[in-house]
């Protein structure tokens, strides 16, 4: 089963000093001294001046603002609405993908949007979208890799990603798909 957002945040905080050289209280002191009040300003400062990756910068900024999300309290409902009604049967496939991606590293950021869930590291490397009642689409960012077989060009699906994989059954969440996701994660 996929980690909850709280478990993912706790894992990121626990690994923060190892990954960035500073523990959360130190980063919060830096942001307080900078006297910034907006999330984007904080993230930009952490990334450009301190070399912190996007996922960690986002988490640190949210902690400085005493928040867990830009859409705090709404991210769960965004996912719930994506998998409501006729698309409910696709939810276990979504959960299986998140569980696999969660093993890549503590810096995976799961960011639900209205129609899909963005998977980020320092940048978006994949999305998971229930496109129809019977199909889940996984968009993957693998620039330079030629489309082949079920790894098709993204086309009009999503301009921010290079490829799309259409999934109709849980059996299609296999080593091949996880390998593409891992390769995209590694490149992010």
C-alpha atoms as a PDB file:
ATOM      1  CA  UNK A   1       0.000   0.000   0.000  1.00  0.00           C
ATOM      2  CA  UNK A   2       1.199   3.529  -0.755  1.00  0.00           C
ATOM      3  CA  UNK A   3       2.502   5.715   2.039  1.00  0.00           C
ATOM      4  CA  UNK A   4       0.117   8.321   3.324  1.00  0.00           C
ATOM      5  CA  UNK A   5       1.071  11.968   2.778  1.00  0.00           C
ATOM      6  CA  UNK A   6       1.907  12.194   6.489  1.00  0.00           C
ATOM      7  CA  UNK A   7       4.211   9.167   6.277  1.00  0.00           C
ATOM      8  CA  UNK A   8       5.906  10.566   3.178  1.00  0.00           C
ATOM      9  CA  UNK A   9       6.440  13.937   4.891  1.00  0.00           C
ATOM     10  CA  UNK A  10       7.861  12.229   8.006  1.00  0.00           C
ATOM     11  CA  UNK A  11      10.273  10.217   5.846  1.00  0.00           C
ATOM     12  CA  UNK A  12      11.403  13.366   4.043  1.00  0.00           C
ATOM     13  CA  UNK A  13      11.952  15.221   7.320  1.00  0.00           C
ATOM     14  CA  UNK A  14      13.885  12.256   8.767  1.00  0.00           C
ATOM     15  CA  UNK A  15      16.198  12.169   5.735  1.00  0.00           C
ATOM     16  CA  UNK A  16      16.516  15.935   5.326  1.00  0.00           C
ATOM     17  CA  UNK A  17      19.899  16.377   7.017  1.00  0.00           C
ATOM     18  CA  UNK A  18      21.428  13.476   5.064  1.00  0.00           C
ATOM     19  CA  UNK A  19      20.052  14.716   1.729  1.00  0.00           C
ATOM     20  CA  UNK A  20      20.541  18.479   2.150  1.00  0.00           C
ATOM     21  CA  UNK A  21      23.153  18.948   4.878  1.00  0.00           C
ATOM     22  CA  UNK A  22      20.740  20.642   7.271  1.00  0.00           C
ATOM     23  CA  UNK A  23      17.908  19.478   9.510  1.00  0.00           C
ATOM     24  CA  UNK A  24      14.438  21.040   9.302  1.00  0.00           C
ATOM     25  CA  UNK A  25      14.952  23.539  12.188  1.00  0.00           C
ATOM     26  CA  UNK A  26      18.051  24.901  10.424  1.00  0.00           C
ATOM     27  CA  UNK A  27      16.161  25.372   7.147  1.00  0.00           C
ATOM     28  CA  UNK A  28      13.264  27.016   8.970  1.00  0.00           C
ATOM     29  CA  UNK A  29      15.704  29.463  10.599  1.00  0.00           C
ATOM     30  CA  UNK A  30      17.127  30.341   7.168  1.00  0.00           C
ATOM     31  CA  UNK A  31      13.646  31.047   5.820  1.00  0.00           C
ATOM     32  CA  UNK A  32      12.699  33.072   8.891  1.00  0.00           C
ATOM     33  CA  UNK A  33      15.838  35.205   8.517  1.00  0.00           C
ATOM     34  CA  UNK A  34      15.007  35.772   4.825  1.00  0.00           C
ATOM     35  CA  UNK A  35      11.653  37.262   5.890  1.00  0.00           C
ATOM     36  CA  UNK A  36       9.766  35.706   2.987  1.00  0.00           C
ATOM     37  CA  UNK A  37       6.030  35.127   3.233  1.00  0.00           C
ATOM     38  CA  UNK A  38       5.132  33.377  -0.023  1.00  0.00           C
ATOM     39  CA  UNK A  39       5.609  29.702  -0.780  1.00  0.00           C
ATOM     40  CA  UNK A  40       7.046  30.296  -4.244  1.00  0.00           C
ATOM     41  CA  UNK A  41       9.605  32.794  -2.924  1.00  0.00           C
ATOM     42  CA  UNK A  42      10.753  30.314  -0.290  1.00  0.00           C
ATOM     43  CA  UNK A  43      11.047  27.446  -2.758  1.00  0.00           C
ATOM     44  CA  UNK A  44      12.982  29.641  -5.192  1.00  0.00           C
ATOM     45  CA  UNK A  45      15.405  30.759  -2.473  1.00  0.00           C
ATOM     46  CA  UNK A  46      16.026  27.203  -1.277  1.00  0.00           C
ATOM     47  CA  UNK A  47      16.564  25.893  -4.801  1.00  0.00           C
ATOM     48  CA  UNK A  48      18.671  28.714  -6.251  1.00  0.00           C
ATOM     49  CA  UNK A  49      20.727  29.877  -3.265  1.00  0.00           C
ATOM     50  CA  UNK A  50      21.033  26.597  -1.367  1.00  0.00           C
ATOM     51  CA  UNK A  51      20.786  23.929  -4.107  1.00  0.00           C
ATOM     52  CA  UNK A  52      17.877  22.108  -2.449  1.00  0.00           C
ATOM     53  CA  UNK A  53      15.878  19.875  -4.804  1.00  0.00           C
ATOM     54  CA  UNK A  54      12.289  20.836  -5.562  1.00  0.00           C
ATOM     55  CA  UNK A  55      10.644  18.152  -3.421  1.00  0.00           C
ATOM     56  CA  UNK A  56      12.611  19.090  -0.313  1.00  0.00           C
ATOM     57  CA  UNK A  57      12.312  22.837  -0.980  1.00  0.00           C
ATOM     58  CA  UNK A  58       8.554  22.479  -1.320  1.00  0.00           C
ATOM     59  CA  UNK A  59       8.275  20.500   1.913  1.00  0.00           C
ATOM     60  CA  UNK A  60      10.491  22.953   3.857  1.00  0.00           C
ATOM     61  CA  UNK A  61       8.495  25.949   2.585  1.00  0.00           C
ATOM     62  CA  UNK A  62       5.212  24.279   3.506  1.00  0.00           C
ATOM     63  CA  UNK A  63       6.540  23.575   7.001  1.00  0.00           C
ATOM     64  CA  UNK A  64       7.606  27.219   7.323  1.00  0.00           C
ATOM     65  CA  UNK A  65       4.047  28.193   6.438  1.00  0.00           C
ATOM     66  CA  UNK A  66       2.597  25.584   8.856  1.00  0.00           C
ATOM     67  CA  UNK A  67       0.830  23.847   5.996  1.00  0.00           C
ATOM     68  CA  UNK A  68       0.906  20.425   4.397  1.00  0.00           C
ATOM     69  CA  UNK A  69      -0.219  21.420   0.917  1.00  0.00           C
ATOM     70  CA  UNK A  70      -1.121  24.274  -1.397  1.00  0.00           C
ATOM     71  CA  UNK A  71      -4.569  22.777  -1.338  1.00  0.00           C
ATOM     72  CA  UNK A  72      -4.424  21.628   2.279  1.00  0.00           C
ATOM     73  CA  UNK A  73      -7.388  19.534   3.216  1.00  0.00           C
ATOM     74  CA  UNK A  74      -8.334  19.113  -0.436  1.00  0.00           C
ATOM     75  CA  UNK A  75      -5.716  16.727  -1.878  1.00  0.00           C
ATOM     76  CA  UNK A  76      -7.513  13.649  -0.595  1.00  0.00           C
ATOM     77  CA  UNK A  77     -10.776  14.835  -2.029  1.00  0.00           C
ATOM     78  CA  UNK A  78      -9.093  15.520  -5.376  1.00  0.00           C
ATOM     79  CA  UNK A  79      -7.991  11.879  -5.614  1.00  0.00           C
ATOM     80  CA  UNK A  80     -11.322  10.657  -4.251  1.00  0.00           C
ATOM     81  CA  UNK A  81     -13.198  12.568  -6.944  1.00  0.00           C
ATOM     82  CA  UNK A  82     -10.908  11.216  -9.675  1.00  0.00           C
ATOM     83  CA  UNK A  83     -11.782   7.662  -8.651  1.00  0.00           C
ATOM     84  CA  UNK A  84     -15.472   8.171  -7.888  1.00  0.00           C
ATOM     85  CA  UNK A  85     -18.393   6.540  -9.643  1.00  0.00           C
ATOM     86  CA  UNK A  86     -17.582   4.586 -12.786  1.00  0.00           C
ATOM     87  CA  UNK A  87     -13.812   5.048 -12.266  1.00  0.00           C
ATOM     88  CA  UNK A  88     -13.779   3.568  -8.736  1.00  0.00           C
ATOM     89  CA  UNK A  89     -12.499   0.211  -9.987  1.00  0.00           C
ATOM     90  CA  UNK A  90      -9.289   1.916 -11.175  1.00  0.00           C
ATOM     91  CA  UNK A  91      -8.284   3.092  -7.669  1.00  0.00           C
ATOM     92  CA  UNK A  92      -6.383  -0.115  -6.731  1.00  0.00           C
ATOM     93  CA  UNK A  93      -4.256   0.305  -9.866  1.00  0.00           C
ATOM     94  CA  UNK A  94      -3.478   3.904  -8.867  1.00  0.00           C
ATOM     95  CA  UNK A  95      -2.552   2.737  -5.339  1.00  0.00           C
ATOM     96  CA  UNK A  96      -0.273  -0.001  -6.757  1.00  0.00           C
ATOM     97  CA  UNK A  97       1.596   2.530  -8.912  1.00  0.00           C
ATOM     98  CA  UNK A  98       2.050   4.894  -5.958  1.00  0.00           C
ATOM     99  CA  UNK A  99       3.331   2.031  -3.801  1.00  0.00           C
ATOM    100  CA  UNK A 100       5.945   1.134  -6.429  1.00  0.00           C
ATOM    101  CA  UNK A 101       7.022   4.744  -7.007  1.00  0.00           C
ATOM    102  CA  UNK A 102       7.212   5.359  -3.253  1.00  0.00           C
ATOM    103  CA  UNK A 103      10.086   2.850  -3.109  1.00  0.00           C
ATOM    104  CA  UNK A 104      12.229   4.991  -5.448  1.00  0.00           C
ATOM    105  CA  UNK A 105      13.160   7.475  -2.711  1.00  0.00           C
ATOM    106  CA  UNK A 106      11.926   9.767   0.024  1.00  0.00           C
ATOM    107  CA  UNK A 107      12.030  12.704  -2.365  1.00  0.00           C
ATOM    108  CA  UNK A 108       9.040  11.570  -4.445  1.00  0.00           C
ATOM    109  CA  UNK A 109       6.353  14.244  -4.251  1.00  0.00           C
ATOM    110  CA  UNK A 110       2.771  13.156  -4.908  1.00  0.00           C
ATOM    111  CA  UNK A 111       0.772  16.175  -6.028  1.00  0.00           C
ATOM    112  CA  UNK A 112      -2.918  15.591  -6.814  1.00  0.00           C
ATOM    113  CA  UNK A 113      -4.528  17.894  -9.363  1.00  0.00           C
ATOM    114  CA  UNK A 114      -8.149  18.017 -10.491  1.00  0.00           C
ATOM    115  CA  UNK A 115      -7.865  15.369 -13.234  1.00  0.00           C
ATOM    116  CA  UNK A 116      -4.609  13.543 -12.455  1.00  0.00           C
ATOM    117  CA  UNK A 117      -1.854  13.055  -9.900  1.00  0.00           C
ATOM    118  CA  UNK A 118       1.572  14.511 -10.653  1.00  0.00           C
ATOM    119  CA  UNK A 119       4.660  12.616  -9.512  1.00  0.00           C
ATOM    120  CA  UNK A 120       7.642  14.880  -8.976  1.00  0.00           C
ATOM    121  CA  UNK A 121      11.210  14.839  -7.825  1.00  0.00           C
ATOM    122  CA  UNK A 122      13.110  17.990  -8.748  1.00  0.00           C
ATOM    123  CA  UNK A 123      10.618  18.183 -11.611  1.00  0.00           C
ATOM    124  CA  UNK A 124       7.593  16.216 -12.781  1.00  0.00           C
ATOM    125  CA  UNK A 125       8.598  12.801 -14.020  1.00  0.00           C
ATOM    126  CA  UNK A 126       5.183  11.135 -14.382  1.00  0.00           C
ATOM    127  CA  UNK A 127       1.439  11.483 -13.961  1.00  0.00           C
ATOM    128  CA  UNK A 128      -1.328   8.996 -13.235  1.00  0.00           C
ATOM    129  CA  UNK A 129      -4.727   9.779 -14.729  1.00  0.00           C
ATOM    130  CA  UNK A 130      -7.985   7.829 -14.805  1.00  0.00           C
ATOM    131  CA  UNK A 131      -8.828   8.723 -18.407  1.00  0.00           C
ATOM    132  CA  UNK A 132     -11.910   6.559 -18.856  1.00  0.00           C
ATOM    133  CA  UNK A 133     -13.992   4.242 -16.688  1.00  0.00           C
ATOM    134  CA  UNK A 134     -11.884   1.332 -17.917  1.00  0.00           C
ATOM    135  CA  UNK A 135      -8.432   2.837 -18.479  1.00  0.00           C
ATOM    136  CA  UNK A 136      -5.709   4.444 -16.410  1.00  0.00           C
ATOM    137  CA  UNK A 137      -3.091   6.428 -18.304  1.00  0.00           C
ATOM    138  CA  UNK A 138       0.433   6.824 -16.982  1.00  0.00           C
ATOM    139  CA  UNK A 139       2.375   9.682 -18.519  1.00  0.00           C
ATOM    140  CA  UNK A 140       6.153   9.354 -18.279  1.00  0.00           C
ATOM    141  CA  UNK A 141       8.908  11.832 -19.052  1.00  0.00           C
ATOM    142  CA  UNK A 142      11.595   9.928 -20.972  1.00  0.00           C
ATOM    143  CA  UNK A 143      13.006  12.410 -23.497  1.00  0.00           C
ATOM    144  CA  UNK A 144      15.118  10.842 -26.205  1.00  0.00           C
ATOM    145  CA  UNK A 145      13.587   7.382 -25.854  1.00  0.00           C
ATOM    146  CA  UNK A 146      11.823   6.246 -29.009  1.00  0.00           C
ATOM    147  CA  UNK A 147       8.211   5.134 -28.506  1.00  0.00           C
ATOM    148  CA  UNK A 148       7.847   1.381 -28.857  1.00  0.00           C
ATOM    149  CA  UNK A 149       5.043  -1.068 -28.132  1.00  0.00           C
ATOM    150  CA  UNK A 150       2.882   0.079 -25.262  1.00  0.00           C
ATOM    151  CA  UNK A 151       5.249   2.974 -24.509  1.00  0.00           C
ATOM    152  CA  UNK A 152       3.665   5.352 -26.979  1.00  0.00           C
ATOM    153  CA  UNK A 153       4.398   9.012 -27.723  1.00  0.00           C
ATOM    154  CA  UNK A 154       2.316  11.235 -25.465  1.00  0.00           C
ATOM    155  CA  UNK A 155       0.942  13.219 -28.396  1.00  0.00           C
ATOM    156  CA  UNK A 156      -1.969  15.377 -27.267  1.00  0.00           C
ATOM    157  CA  UNK A 157      -2.295  13.475 -23.963  1.00  0.00           C
ATOM    158  CA  UNK A 158       0.056  15.817 -22.049  1.00  0.00           C
ATOM    159  CA  UNK A 159       2.654  18.159 -23.508  1.00  0.00           C
ATOM    160  CA  UNK A 160       4.724  18.066 -20.288  1.00  0.00           C
ATOM    161  CA  UNK A 161       5.530  14.382 -20.763  1.00  0.00           C
ATOM    162  CA  UNK A 162       7.154  12.460 -23.590  1.00  0.00           C
ATOM    163  CA  UNK A 163       5.274   9.136 -23.370  1.00  0.00           C
ATOM    164  CA  UNK A 164       2.033   7.498 -22.298  1.00  0.00           C
ATOM    165  CA  UNK A 165       1.230   3.961 -21.214  1.00  0.00           C
ATOM    166  CA  UNK A 166      -2.428   2.875 -21.257  1.00  0.00           C
ATOM    167  CA  UNK A 167      -3.446   0.428 -18.522  1.00  0.00           C
ATOM    168  CA  UNK A 168      -6.657  -1.580 -18.510  1.00  0.00           C
ATOM    169  CA  UNK A 169      -5.711  -4.227 -15.926  1.00  0.00           C
ATOM    170  CA  UNK A 170      -3.576  -4.469 -12.794  1.00  0.00           C
ATOM    171  CA  UNK A 171      -1.441  -7.104 -14.552  1.00  0.00           C
ATOM    172  CA  UNK A 172      -0.120  -4.340 -16.814  1.00  0.00           C
ATOM    173  CA  UNK A 173       1.556  -2.733 -13.784  1.00  0.00           C
ATOM    174  CA  UNK A 174       4.626  -4.867 -14.297  1.00  0.00           C
ATOM    175  CA  UNK A 175       8.416  -4.636 -14.181  1.00  0.00           C
ATOM    176  CA  UNK A 176       8.486  -2.961 -17.595  1.00  0.00           C
ATOM    177  CA  UNK A 177       6.204  -0.088 -16.479  1.00  0.00           C
ATOM    178  CA  UNK A 178       7.977   0.296 -13.127  1.00  0.00           C
ATOM    179  CA  UNK A 179      11.302   0.366 -15.008  1.00  0.00           C
ATOM    180  CA  UNK A 180      10.114   3.252 -17.187  1.00  0.00           C
ATOM    181  CA  UNK A 181       8.878   5.117 -14.115  1.00  0.00           C
ATOM    182  CA  UNK A 182      12.193   4.533 -12.315  1.00  0.00           C
ATOM    183  CA  UNK A 183      14.142   5.739 -15.330  1.00  0.00           C
ATOM    184  CA  UNK A 184      11.988   8.906 -15.461  1.00  0.00           C
ATOM    185  CA  UNK A 185      12.478   9.409 -11.698  1.00  0.00           C
ATOM    186  CA  UNK A 186      16.242   9.013 -12.049  1.00  0.00           C
ATOM    187  CA  UNK A 187      16.228  11.657 -14.799  1.00  0.00           C
ATOM    188  CA  UNK A 188      14.182  14.165 -12.815  1.00  0.00           C
END
